[in-house]
All heavy atoms as atom14 arrays in JSON, in Angstrom:
{
  "sequence": "VEHFMRFASGDVSWEQLDPGLRRRMLGNGETLFGVEMGKFEPYRPDDA",
  "atom14_mask": [
    [1, 1, 1, 1, 1, 1, 1, 0, 0, 0, 0, 0, 0, 0],
    [1, 1, 1, 1, 1, 1, 1, 1, 1, 0, 0, 0, 0, 0],
    [1, 1, 1, 1, 1, 1, 1, 1, 1, 1, 0, 0, 0, 0],
    [1, 1, 1, 1, 1, 1, 1, 1, 1, 1, 1, 0, 0, 0],
    [1, 1, 1, 1, 1, 1, 1, 1, 0, 0, 0, 0, 0, 0],
    [1, 1, 1, 1, 1, 1, 1, 1, 1, 1, 1, 0, 0, 0],
    [1, 1, 1, 1, 1, 1, 1, 1, 1, 1, 1, 0, 0, 0],
    [1, 1, 1, 1, 1, 0, 0, 0, 0, 0, 0, 0, 0, 0],
    [1, 1, 1, 1, 1, 1, 0, 0, 0, 0, 0, 0, 0, 0],
    [1, 1, 1, 1, 0, 0, 0, 0, 0, 0, 0, 0, 0, 0],
    [1, 1, 1, 1, 1, 1, 1, 1, 0, 0, 0, 0, 0, 0],
    [1, 1, 1, 1, 1, 1, 1, 0, 0, 0, 0, 0, 0, 0],
    [1, 1, 1, 1, 1, 1, 0, 0, 0, 0, 0, 0, 0, 0],
    [1, 1, 1, 1, 1, 1, 1, 1, 1, 1, 1, 1, 1, 1],
    [1, 1, 1, 1, 1, 1, 1, 1, 1, 0, 0, 0, 0, 0],
    [1, 1, 1, 1, 1, 1, 1, 1, 1, 0, 0, 0, 0, 0],
    [1, 1, 1, 1, 1, 1, 1, 1, 0, 0, 0, 0, 0, 0],
    [1, 1, 1, 1, 1, 1, 1, 1, 0, 0, 0, 0, 0, 0],
    [1, 1, 1, 1, 1, 1, 1, 0, 0, 0, 0, 0, 0, 0],
    [1, 1, 1, 1, 0, 0, 0, 0, 0, 0, 0, 0, 0, 0],
    [1, 1, 1, 1, 1, 1, 1, 1, 0, 0, 0, 0, 0, 0],
    [1, 1, 1, 1, 1, 1, 1, 1, 1, 1, 1, 0, 0, 0],
    [1, 1, 1, 1, 1, 1, 1, 1, 1, 1, 1, 0, 0, 0],
    [1, 1, 1, 1, 1, 1, 1, 1, 1, 1, 1, 0, 0, 0],
    [1, 1, 1, 1, 1, 1, 1, 1, 0, 0, 0, 0, 0, 0],
    [1, 1, 1, 1, 1, 1, 1, 1, 0, 0, 0, 0, 0, 0],
    [1, 1, 1, 1, 0, 0, 0, 0, 0, 0, 0, 0, 0, 0],
    [1, 1, 1, 1, 1, 1, 1, 1, 0, 0, 0, 0, 0, 0],
    [1, 1, 1, 1, 0, 0, 0, 0, 0, 0, 0, 0, 0, 0],
    [1, 1, 1, 1, 1, 1, 1, 1, 1, 0, 0, 0, 0, 0],
    [1, 1, 1, 1, 1, 1, 1, 0, 0, 0, 0, 0, 0, 0],
    [1, 1, 1, 1, 1, 1, 1, 1, 0, 0, 0, 0, 0, 0],
    [1, 1, 1, 1, 1, 1, 1, 1, 1, 1, 1, 0, 0, 0],
    [1, 1, 1, 1, 0, 0, 0, 0, 0, 0, 0, 0, 0, 0],
    [1, 1, 1, 1, 1, 1, 1, 0, 0, 0, 0, 0, 0, 0],
    [1, 1, 1, 1, 1, 1, 1, 1, 1, 0, 0, 0, 0, 0],
    [1, 1, 1, 1, 1, 1, 1, 1, 0, 0, 0, 0, 0, 0],
    [1, 1, 1, 1, 0, 0, 0, 0, 0, 0, 0, 0, 0, 0],
    [1, 1, 1, 1, 1, 1, 1, 1, 1, 0, 0, 0, 0, 0],
    [1, 1, 1, 1, 1, 1, 1, 1, 1, 1, 1, 0, 0, 0],
    [1, 1, 1, 1, 1, 1, 1, 1, 1, 0, 0, 0, 0, 0],
    [1, 1, 1, 1, 1, 1, 1, 0, 0, 0, 0, 0, 0, 0],
    [1, 1, 1, 1, 1, 1, 1, 1, 1, 1, 1, 1, 0, 0],
    [1, 1, 1, 1, 1, 1, 1, 1, 1, 1, 1, 0, 0, 0],
    [1, 1, 1, 1, 1, 1, 1, 0, 0, 0, 0, 0, 0, 0],
    [1, 1, 1, 1, 1, 1, 1, 1, 0, 0, 0, 0, 0, 0],
    [1, 1, 1, 1, 1, 1, 1, 1, 0, 0, 0, 0, 0, 0],
    [1, 1, 1, 1, 1, 0, 0, 0, 0, 0, 0, 0, 0, 0]
  ],
  "atom14_positions": [
    [[-0.63, 5.48, -13.11], [0.12, 5.34, -11.85], [1.25, 6.36, -11.81], [1.45, 7.04, -10.79], [0.69, 3.91, -11.7], [1.69, 3.85, -10.56], [-0.44, 2.91, -11.45], [0.0, 0.0, 0.0], [0.0, 0.0, 0.0], [0.0, 0.0, 0.0], [0.0, 0.0, 0.0], [0.0, 0.0, 0.0], [0.0, 0.0, 0.0], [0.0, 0.0, 0.0]],
    [[2.0, 6.48, -12.89], [3.11, 7.43, -12.89], [2.61, 8.86, -12.7], [3.17, 9.62, -11.91], [3.92, 7.32, -14.18], [5.08, 8.3, -14.21], [6.05, 8.05, -15.35], [5.96, 7.01, -16.01], [6.93, 8.93, -15.57], [0.0, 0.0, 0.0], [0.0, 0.0, 0.0], [0.0, 0.0, 0.0], [0.0, 0.0, 0.0], [0.0, 0.0, 0.0]],
    [[1.56, 9.23, -13.43], [1.01, 10.57, -13.27], [0.56, 10.8, -11.82], [0.83, 11.86, -11.24], [-0.19, 10.76, -14.21], [0.17, 11.11, -15.61], [0.93, 10.28, -16.42], [-0.12, 12.2, -16.37], [1.07, 10.85, -17.62], [0.44, 12.01, -17.6], [0.0, 0.0, 0.0], [0.0, 0.0, 0.0], [0.0, 0.0, 0.0], [0.0, 0.0, 0.0]],
    [[-0.11, 9.82, -11.25], [-0.64, 9.93, -9.9], [0.49, 10.06, -8.88], [0.44, 10.92, -7.98], [-1.5, 8.71, -9.59], [-2.02, 8.65, -8.19], [-3.05, 9.46, -7.77], [-1.45, 7.77, -7.27], [-3.53, 9.4, -6.47], [-1.92, 7.7, -5.97], [-2.96, 8.53, -5.56], [0.0, 0.0, 0.0], [0.0, 0.0, 0.0], [0.0, 0.0, 0.0]],
    [[1.52, 9.24, -9.01], [2.62, 9.27, -8.04], [3.45, 10.55, -8.17], [3.9, 11.08, -7.16], [3.5, 8.03, -8.2], [2.83, 6.73, -7.76], [2.25, 6.77, -6.05], [3.78, 7.12, -5.16], [0.0, 0.0, 0.0], [0.0, 0.0, 0.0], [0.0, 0.0, 0.0], [0.0, 0.0, 0.0], [0.0, 0.0, 0.0], [0.0, 0.0, 0.0]],
    [[3.65, 11.01, -9.37], [4.36, 12.29, -9.53], [3.57, 13.42, -8.88], [4.14, 14.34, -8.29], [4.61, 12.58, -11.01], [5.7, 11.7, -11.64], [5.93, 12.08, -13.09], [6.93, 11.25, -13.75], [8.24, 11.47, -13.72], [8.71, 12.52, -13.05], [9.08, 10.67, -14.34], [0.0, 0.0, 0.0], [0.0, 0.0, 0.0], [0.0, 0.0, 0.0]],
    [[2.26, 13.36, -8.99], [1.4, 14.37, -8.38], [1.44, 14.26, -6.85], [1.55, 15.26, -6.15], [-0.03, 14.18, -8.88], [-1.06, 15.01, -8.17], [-1.24, 16.35, -8.48], [-1.85, 14.44, -7.18], [-2.19, 17.12, -7.81], [-2.8, 15.2, -6.5], [-2.97, 16.54, -6.82], [0.0, 0.0, 0.0], [0.0, 0.0, 0.0], [0.0, 0.0, 0.0]],
    [[1.35, 13.04, -6.32], [1.24, 12.84, -4.87], [2.57, 12.98, -4.16], [2.62, 13.47, -3.02], [0.65, 11.45, -4.59], [0.0, 0.0, 0.0], [0.0, 0.0, 0.0], [0.0, 0.0, 0.0], [0.0, 0.0, 0.0], [0.0, 0.0, 0.0], [0.0, 0.0, 0.0], [0.0, 0.0, 0.0], [0.0, 0.0, 0.0], [0.0, 0.0, 0.0]],
    [[3.66, 12.52, -4.8], [4.95, 12.44, -4.11], [6.02, 13.35, -4.69], [7.06, 13.55, -4.05], [5.47, 10.99, -4.16], [4.53, 10.1, -3.6], [0.0, 0.0, 0.0], [0.0, 0.0, 0.0], [0.0, 0.0, 0.0], [0.0, 0.0, 0.0], [0.0, 0.0, 0.0], [0.0, 0.0, 0.0], [0.0, 0.0, 0.0], [0.0, 0.0, 0.0]],
    [[5.8, 13.85, -5.9], [6.79, 14.7, -6.54], [7.64, 13.94, -7.54], [7.84, 12.72, -7.44], [0.0, 0.0, 0.0], [0.0, 0.0, 0.0], [0.0, 0.0, 0.0], [0.0, 0.0, 0.0], [0.0, 0.0, 0.0], [0.0, 0.0, 0.0], [0.0, 0.0, 0.0], [0.0, 0.0, 0.0], [0.0, 0.0, 0.0], [0.0, 0.0, 0.0]],
    [[8.15, 14.68, -8.51], [8.96, 14.07, -9.57], [10.22, 13.42, -9.02], [10.61, 12.33, -9.45], [9.34, 15.12, -10.61], [8.15, 15.66, -11.39], [7.15, 14.92, -11.52], [8.22, 16.79, -11.88], [0.0, 0.0, 0.0], [0.0, 0.0, 0.0], [0.0, 0.0, 0.0], [0.0, 0.0, 0.0], [0.0, 0.0, 0.0], [0.0, 0.0, 0.0]],
    [[10.87, 14.09, -8.07], [12.14, 13.57, -7.56], [11.92, 12.22, -6.87], [12.69, 11.27, -7.1], [12.79, 14.58, -6.6], [14.02, 13.97, -5.93], [13.18, 15.85, -7.34], [0.0, 0.0, 0.0], [0.0, 0.0, 0.0], [0.0, 0.0, 0.0], [0.0, 0.0, 0.0], [0.0, 0.0, 0.0], [0.0, 0.0, 0.0], [0.0, 0.0, 0.0]],
    [[10.89, 12.11, -6.03], [10.62, 10.85, -5.35], [10.38, 9.73, -6.35], [10.89, 8.62, -6.19], [9.4, 10.99, -4.43], [9.72, 11.74, -3.28], [0.0, 0.0, 0.0], [0.0, 0.0, 0.0], [0.0, 0.0, 0.0], [0.0, 0.0, 0.0], [0.0, 0.0, 0.0], [0.0, 0.0, 0.0], [0.0, 0.0, 0.0], [0.0, 0.0, 0.0]],
    [[9.58, 10.01, -7.37], [9.28, 8.99, -8.37], [10.54, 8.55, -9.11], [10.79, 7.36, -9.28], [8.24, 9.5, -9.36], [7.96, 8.55, -10.47], [8.39, 8.64, -11.77], [7.22, 7.32, -10.38], [7.96, 7.55, -12.49], [7.24, 6.73, -11.68], [6.56, 6.68, -9.36], [6.61, 5.53, -11.94], [5.92, 5.47, -9.62], [5.95, 4.89, -10.9]],
    [[11.34, 9.49, -9.51], [12.52, 9.17, -10.31], [13.61, 8.49, -9.49], [14.45, 7.77, -10.05], [13.05, 10.45, -10.96], [12.13, 10.96, -12.05], [12.38, 12.41, -12.44], [13.37, 12.98, -11.92], [11.6, 12.94, -13.25], [0.0, 0.0, 0.0], [0.0, 0.0, 0.0], [0.0, 0.0, 0.0], [0.0, 0.0, 0.0], [0.0, 0.0, 0.0]],
    [[13.59, 8.68, -8.17], [14.6, 8.05, -7.32], [14.15, 6.71, -6.75], [14.92, 6.08, -6.0], [14.99, 9.0, -6.19], [15.76, 10.22, -6.66], [16.19, 11.13, -5.53], [15.72, 11.01, -4.4], [17.07, 12.06, -5.83], [0.0, 0.0, 0.0], [0.0, 0.0, 0.0], [0.0, 0.0, 0.0], [0.0, 0.0, 0.0], [0.0, 0.0, 0.0]],
    [[12.96, 6.26, -7.1], [12.49, 4.96, -6.6], [13.41, 3.84, -7.09], [13.95, 3.89, -8.2], [11.08, 4.67, -7.09], [9.91, 5.37, -6.42], [8.61, 4.93, -7.06], [9.87, 5.1, -4.92], [0.0, 0.0, 0.0], [0.0, 0.0, 0.0], [0.0, 0.0, 0.0], [0.0, 0.0, 0.0], [0.0, 0.0, 0.0], [0.0, 0.0, 0.0]],
    [[13.54, 2.82, -6.25], [14.21, 1.6, -6.7], [13.52, 1.11, -7.97], [12.28, 1.04, -8.02], [14.13, 0.54, -5.59], [14.63, -0.8, -6.07], [15.85, -1.01, -6.08], [13.78, -1.65, -6.43], [0.0, 0.0, 0.0], [0.0, 0.0, 0.0], [0.0, 0.0, 0.0], [0.0, 0.0, 0.0], [0.0, 0.0, 0.0], [0.0, 0.0, 0.0]],
    [[14.27, 0.75, -9.01], [13.63, 0.35, -10.26], [12.64, -0.81, -10.12], [11.6, -0.84, -10.78], [14.81, -0.04, -11.16], [15.96, 0.77, -10.62], [15.74, 0.83, -9.14], [0.0, 0.0, 0.0], [0.0, 0.0, 0.0], [0.0, 0.0, 0.0], [0.0, 0.0, 0.0], [0.0, 0.0, 0.0], [0.0, 0.0, 0.0], [0.0, 0.0, 0.0]],
    [[12.97, -1.77, -9.24], [12.05, -2.9, -9.03], [10.75, -2.45, -8.42], [9.66, -2.91, -8.84], [0.0, 0.0, 0.0], [0.0, 0.0, 0.0], [0.0, 0.0, 0.0], [0.0, 0.0, 0.0], [0.0, 0.0, 0.0], [0.0, 0.0, 0.0], [0.0, 0.0, 0.0], [0.0, 0.0, 0.0], [0.0, 0.0, 0.0], [0.0, 0.0, 0.0]],
    [[10.82, -1.57, -7.43], [9.61, -1.05, -6.82], [8.79, -0.26, -7.83], [7.57, -0.42, -7.91], [9.97, -0.17, -5.62], [8.81, 0.61, -4.97], [7.74, -0.33, -4.44], [9.34, 1.51, -3.85], [0.0, 0.0, 0.0], [0.0, 0.0, 0.0], [0.0, 0.0, 0.0], [0.0, 0.0, 0.0], [0.0, 0.0, 0.0], [0.0, 0.0, 0.0]],
    [[9.46, 0.55, -8.63], [8.74, 1.34, -9.63], [8.02, 0.44, -10.62], [6.85, 0.68, -10.98], [9.7, 2.3, -10.34], [8.98, 3.26, -11.28], [9.87, 4.41, -11.72], [11.15, 3.95, -12.24], [12.33, 4.31, -11.73], [12.4, 5.1, -10.68], [13.45, 3.86, -12.27], [0.0, 0.0, 0.0], [0.0, 0.0, 0.0], [0.0, 0.0, 0.0]],
    [[8.67, -0.64, -11.07], [8.03, -1.56, -12.01], [6.8, -2.2, -11.37], [5.75, -2.35, -12.02], [9.01, -2.65, -12.45], [10.05, -2.19, -13.47], [10.76, -3.38, -14.1], [11.48, -4.18, -13.11], [12.73, -3.96, -12.73], [13.4, -2.93, -13.23], [13.32, -4.75, -11.86], [0.0, 0.0, 0.0], [0.0, 0.0, 0.0], [0.0, 0.0, 0.0]],
    [[6.93, -2.61, -10.1], [5.78, -3.24, -9.44], [4.63, -2.25, -9.29], [3.46, -2.6, -9.48], [6.19, -3.8, -8.08], [7.17, -4.96, -8.14], [7.27, -5.69, -6.82], [7.64, -4.84, -5.69], [8.89, -4.56, -5.33], [9.91, -5.05, -6.04], [9.15, -3.79, -4.28], [0.0, 0.0, 0.0], [0.0, 0.0, 0.0], [0.0, 0.0, 0.0]],
    [[4.96, -1.01, -8.94], [3.91, 0.0, -8.77], [3.19, 0.26, -10.09], [1.96, 0.38, -10.12], [4.51, 1.28, -8.21], [5.0, 1.14, -6.78], [5.72, 2.66, -6.1], [4.26, 3.65, -5.89], [0.0, 0.0, 0.0], [0.0, 0.0, 0.0], [0.0, 0.0, 0.0], [0.0, 0.0, 0.0], [0.0, 0.0, 0.0], [0.0, 0.0, 0.0]],
    [[3.94, 0.33, -11.17], [3.3, 0.5, -12.48], [2.36, -0.66, -12.78], [1.27, -0.47, -13.32], [4.37, 0.61, -13.56], [5.2, 1.91, -13.56], [6.37, 1.79, -14.54], [4.34, 3.11, -13.91], [0.0, 0.0, 0.0], [0.0, 0.0, 0.0], [0.0, 0.0, 0.0], [0.0, 0.0, 0.0], [0.0, 0.0, 0.0], [0.0, 0.0, 0.0]],
    [[2.78, -1.87, -12.39], [1.95, -3.04, -12.61], [0.72, -3.11, -11.74], [-0.19, -3.92, -11.99], [0.0, 0.0, 0.0], [0.0, 0.0, 0.0], [0.0, 0.0, 0.0], [0.0, 0.0, 0.0], [0.0, 0.0, 0.0], [0.0, 0.0, 0.0], [0.0, 0.0, 0.0], [0.0, 0.0, 0.0], [0.0, 0.0, 0.0], [0.0, 0.0, 0.0]],
    [[0.67, -2.27, -10.7], [-0.49, -2.26, -9.8], [-1.6, -1.35, -10.28], [-2.63, -1.19, -9.59], [-0.06, -1.82, -8.39], [0.78, -2.87, -7.69], [0.71, -4.05, -8.0], [1.61, -2.43, -6.74], [0.0, 0.0, 0.0], [0.0, 0.0, 0.0], [0.0, 0.0, 0.0], [0.0, 0.0, 0.0], [0.0, 0.0, 0.0], [0.0, 0.0, 0.0]],
    [[-1.43, -0.75, -11.45], [-2.42, 0.2, -11.94], [-3.82, -0.36, -12.08], [-4.81, 0.29, -11.72], [0.0, 0.0, 0.0], [0.0, 0.0, 0.0], [0.0, 0.0, 0.0], [0.0, 0.0, 0.0], [0.0, 0.0, 0.0], [0.0, 0.0, 0.0], [0.0, 0.0, 0.0], [0.0, 0.0, 0.0], [0.0, 0.0, 0.0], [0.0, 0.0, 0.0]],
    [[-3.94, -1.58, -12.59], [-5.27, -2.16, -12.79], [-5.97, -2.38, -11.45], [-7.18, -2.17, -11.33], [-5.17, -3.46, -13.58], [-4.77, -3.25, -15.04], [-4.86, -4.54, -15.84], [-5.3, -5.57, -15.28], [-4.48, -4.51, -17.02], [0.0, 0.0, 0.0], [0.0, 0.0, 0.0], [0.0, 0.0, 0.0], [0.0, 0.0, 0.0], [0.0, 0.0, 0.0]],
    [[-5.2, -2.79, -10.43], [-5.8, -2.96, -9.11], [-6.17, -1.61, -8.51], [-7.28, -1.43, -7.96], [-4.83, -3.69, -8.16], [-4.7, -5.05, -8.61], [-5.34, -3.69, -6.73], [0.0, 0.0, 0.0], [0.0, 0.0, 0.0], [0.0, 0.0, 0.0], [0.0, 0.0, 0.0], [0.0, 0.0, 0.0], [0.0, 0.0, 0.0], [0.0, 0.0, 0.0]],
    [[-5.27, -0.64, -8.61], [-5.53, 0.66, -8.01], [-6.76, 1.32, -8.62], [-7.67, 1.74, -7.88], [-4.3, 1.56, -8.18], [-4.47, 3.03, -7.77], [-4.91, 3.14, -6.31], [-3.17, 3.8, -7.99], [0.0, 0.0, 0.0], [0.0, 0.0, 0.0], [0.0, 0.0, 0.0], [0.0, 0.0, 0.0], [0.0, 0.0, 0.0], [0.0, 0.0, 0.0]],
    [[-6.8, 1.4, -9.94], [-7.87, 2.15, -10.58], [-9.11, 1.32, -10.87], [-10.22, 1.86, -10.96], [-7.35, 2.8, -11.87], [-6.17, 3.7, -11.63], [-4.93, 3.41, -12.17], [-6.29, 4.82, -10.84], [-3.83, 4.23, -11.95], [-5.19, 5.64, -10.59], [-3.97, 5.35, -11.15], [0.0, 0.0, 0.0], [0.0, 0.0, 0.0], [0.0, 0.0, 0.0]],
    [[-8.93, -0.01, -10.99], [-10.08, -0.85, -11.29], [-10.77, -1.43, -10.08], [-11.95, -1.81, -10.15], [0.0, 0.0, 0.0], [0.0, 0.0, 0.0], [0.0, 0.0, 0.0], [0.0, 0.0, 0.0], [0.0, 0.0, 0.0], [0.0, 0.0, 0.0], [0.0, 0.0, 0.0], [0.0, 0.0, 0.0], [0.0, 0.0, 0.0], [0.0, 0.0, 0.0]],
    [[-10.05, -1.52, -8.95], [-10.6, -2.18, -7.77], [-10.64, -1.26, -6.55], [-11.64, -1.18, -5.84], [-9.78, -3.45, -7.42], [-10.3, -4.11, -6.14], [-9.83, -4.45, -8.58], [0.0, 0.0, 0.0], [0.0, 0.0, 0.0], [0.0, 0.0, 0.0], [0.0, 0.0, 0.0], [0.0, 0.0, 0.0], [0.0, 0.0, 0.0], [0.0, 0.0, 0.0]],
    [[-9.55, -0.53, -6.29], [-9.4, 0.16, -5.01], [-9.9, 1.6, -4.98], [-10.57, 2.0, -4.03], [-7.91, 0.15, -4.6], [-7.37, -1.23, -4.29], [-5.93, -1.18, -3.82], [-5.26, -0.14, -3.98], [-5.48, -2.2, -3.27], [0.0, 0.0, 0.0], [0.0, 0.0, 0.0], [0.0, 0.0, 0.0], [0.0, 0.0, 0.0], [0.0, 0.0, 0.0]],
    [[-9.54, 2.39, -5.97], [-9.83, 3.82, -5.89], [-11.33, 4.06, -5.79], [-12.13, 3.51, -6.55], [-9.24, 4.55, -7.09], [-9.31, 6.07, -6.97], [-8.17, 6.94, -8.1], [-6.63, 6.82, -7.2], [0.0, 0.0, 0.0], [0.0, 0.0, 0.0], [0.0, 0.0, 0.0], [0.0, 0.0, 0.0], [0.0, 0.0, 0.0], [0.0, 0.0, 0.0]],
    [[-11.69, 4.88, -4.83], [-13.09, 5.16, -4.56], [-13.69, 4.32, -3.45], [-14.8, 4.61, -2.99], [0.0, 0.0, 0.0], [0.0, 0.0, 0.0], [0.0, 0.0, 0.0], [0.0, 0.0, 0.0], [0.0, 0.0, 0.0], [0.0, 0.0, 0.0], [0.0, 0.0, 0.0], [0.0, 0.0, 0.0], [0.0, 0.0, 0.0], [0.0, 0.0, 0.0]],
    [[-12.96, 3.3, -2.99], [-13.47, 2.43, -1.91], [-13.02, 2.9, -0.54], [-13.65, 2.58, 0.47], [-13.01, 0.98, -2.14], [-13.32, 0.42, -3.51], [-14.79, 0.52, -3.84], [-15.13, -0.23, -5.14], [-14.4, 0.3, -6.31], [0.0, 0.0, 0.0], [0.0, 0.0, 0.0], [0.0, 0.0, 0.0], [0.0, 0.0, 0.0], [0.0, 0.0, 0.0]],
    [[-11.92, 3.64, -0.47], [-11.38, 4.08, 0.81], [-11.87, 5.48, 1.2], [-12.06, 5.76, 2.39], [-9.84, 4.09, 0.75], [-9.22, 2.74, 0.56], [-9.12, 2.18, -0.7], [-8.74, 2.03, 1.65], [-8.54, 0.93, -0.88], [-8.17, 0.79, 1.48], [-8.07, 0.23, 0.22], [0.0, 0.0, 0.0], [0.0, 0.0, 0.0], [0.0, 0.0, 0.0]],
    [[-12.05, 6.33, 0.22], [-12.34, 7.73, 0.49], [-13.65, 7.96, 1.26], [-13.71, 8.89, 2.1], [-12.36, 8.52, -0.84], [-11.01, 8.63, -1.51], [-10.61, 7.4, -2.34], [-11.38, 6.39, -2.33], [-9.56, 7.44, -2.99], [0.0, 0.0, 0.0], [0.0, 0.0, 0.0], [0.0, 0.0, 0.0], [0.0, 0.0, 0.0], [0.0, 0.0, 0.0]],
    [[-14.71, 7.17, 1.04], [-15.96, 7.43, 1.77], [-15.95, 6.94, 3.22], [-16.9, 7.21, 3.97], [-17.01, 6.65, 0.96], [-16.37, 6.34, -0.35], [-14.91, 6.2, -0.05], [0.0, 0.0, 0.0], [0.0, 0.0, 0.0], [0.0, 0.0, 0.0], [0.0, 0.0, 0.0], [0.0, 0.0, 0.0], [0.0, 0.0, 0.0], [0.0, 0.0, 0.0]],
    [[-14.93, 6.21, 3.61], [-14.89, 5.62, 4.96], [-14.97, 6.7, 6.02], [-14.27, 7.73, 5.96], [-13.6, 4.82, 5.12], [-13.42, 4.16, 6.47], [-14.13, 3.02, 6.8], [-12.52, 4.68, 7.4], [-13.96, 2.4, 8.04], [-12.34, 4.08, 8.63], [-13.06, 2.94, 8.95], [-12.88, 2.34, 10.17], [0.0, 0.0, 0.0], [0.0, 0.0, 0.0]],
    [[-15.81, 6.47, 7.03], [-15.94, 7.44, 8.12], [-16.55, 6.75, 9.34], [-17.77, 6.6, 9.44], [-16.81, 8.62, 7.72], [-16.98, 9.66, 8.85], [-17.69, 10.9, 8.37], [-17.84, 11.89, 9.42], [-18.18, 13.16, 9.21], [-18.41, 13.59, 7.98], [-18.3, 14.0, 10.23], [0.0, 0.0, 0.0], [0.0, 0.0, 0.0], [0.0, 0.0, 0.0]],
    [[-15.72, 6.33, 10.28], [-16.27, 5.79, 11.53], [-17.02, 6.9, 12.26], [-16.64, 8.07, 12.21], [-15.03, 5.36, 12.32], [-13.9, 5.38, 11.35], [-14.26, 6.35, 10.29], [0.0, 0.0, 0.0], [0.0, 0.0, 0.0], [0.0, 0.0, 0.0], [0.0, 0.0, 0.0], [0.0, 0.0, 0.0], [0.0, 0.0, 0.0], [0.0, 0.0, 0.0]],
    [[-18.1, 6.53, 12.93], [-18.82, 7.57, 13.67], [-18.05, 7.94, 14.93], [-17.07, 7.29, 15.31], [-20.25, 7.12, 14.0], [-20.33, 5.85, 14.84], [-19.42, 5.62, 15.67], [-21.29, 5.09, 14.67], [0.0, 0.0, 0.0], [0.0, 0.0, 0.0], [0.0, 0.0, 0.0], [0.0, 0.0, 0.0], [0.0, 0.0, 0.0], [0.0, 0.0, 0.0]],
    [[-18.48, 9.03, 15.56], [-17.75, 9.54, 16.71], [-17.71, 8.53, 17.85], [-16.72, 8.46, 18.59], [-18.37, 10.85, 17.19], [-18.05, 12.02, 16.28], [-17.31, 11.81, 15.28], [-18.53, 13.14, 16.54], [0.0, 0.0, 0.0], [0.0, 0.0, 0.0], [0.0, 0.0, 0.0], [0.0, 0.0, 0.0], [0.0, 0.0, 0.0], [0.0, 0.0, 0.0]],
    [[-18.76, 7.74, 17.99], [-18.77, 6.73, 19.05], [-17.7, 5.68, 18.81], [-17.02, 5.24, 19.75], [-20.15, 6.08, 19.14], [0.0, 0.0, 0.0], [0.0, 0.0, 0.0], [0.0, 0.0, 0.0], [0.0, 0.0, 0.0], [0.0, 0.0, 0.0], [0.0, 0.0, 0.0], [0.0, 0.0, 0.0], [0.0, 0.0, 0.0], [0.0, 0.0, 0.0]]
  ]
}
């Protein structure tokens, strides 16, 4: 999670996060990588 967020948002954004939010985000790693990642990217509504 930390590597991903530093890549997506930058080091400064990550380091300036509220500590409580940062702890919760770190705790979301199992959901992000075990459940979610890869499920959103293929989504594509048709033109209609």
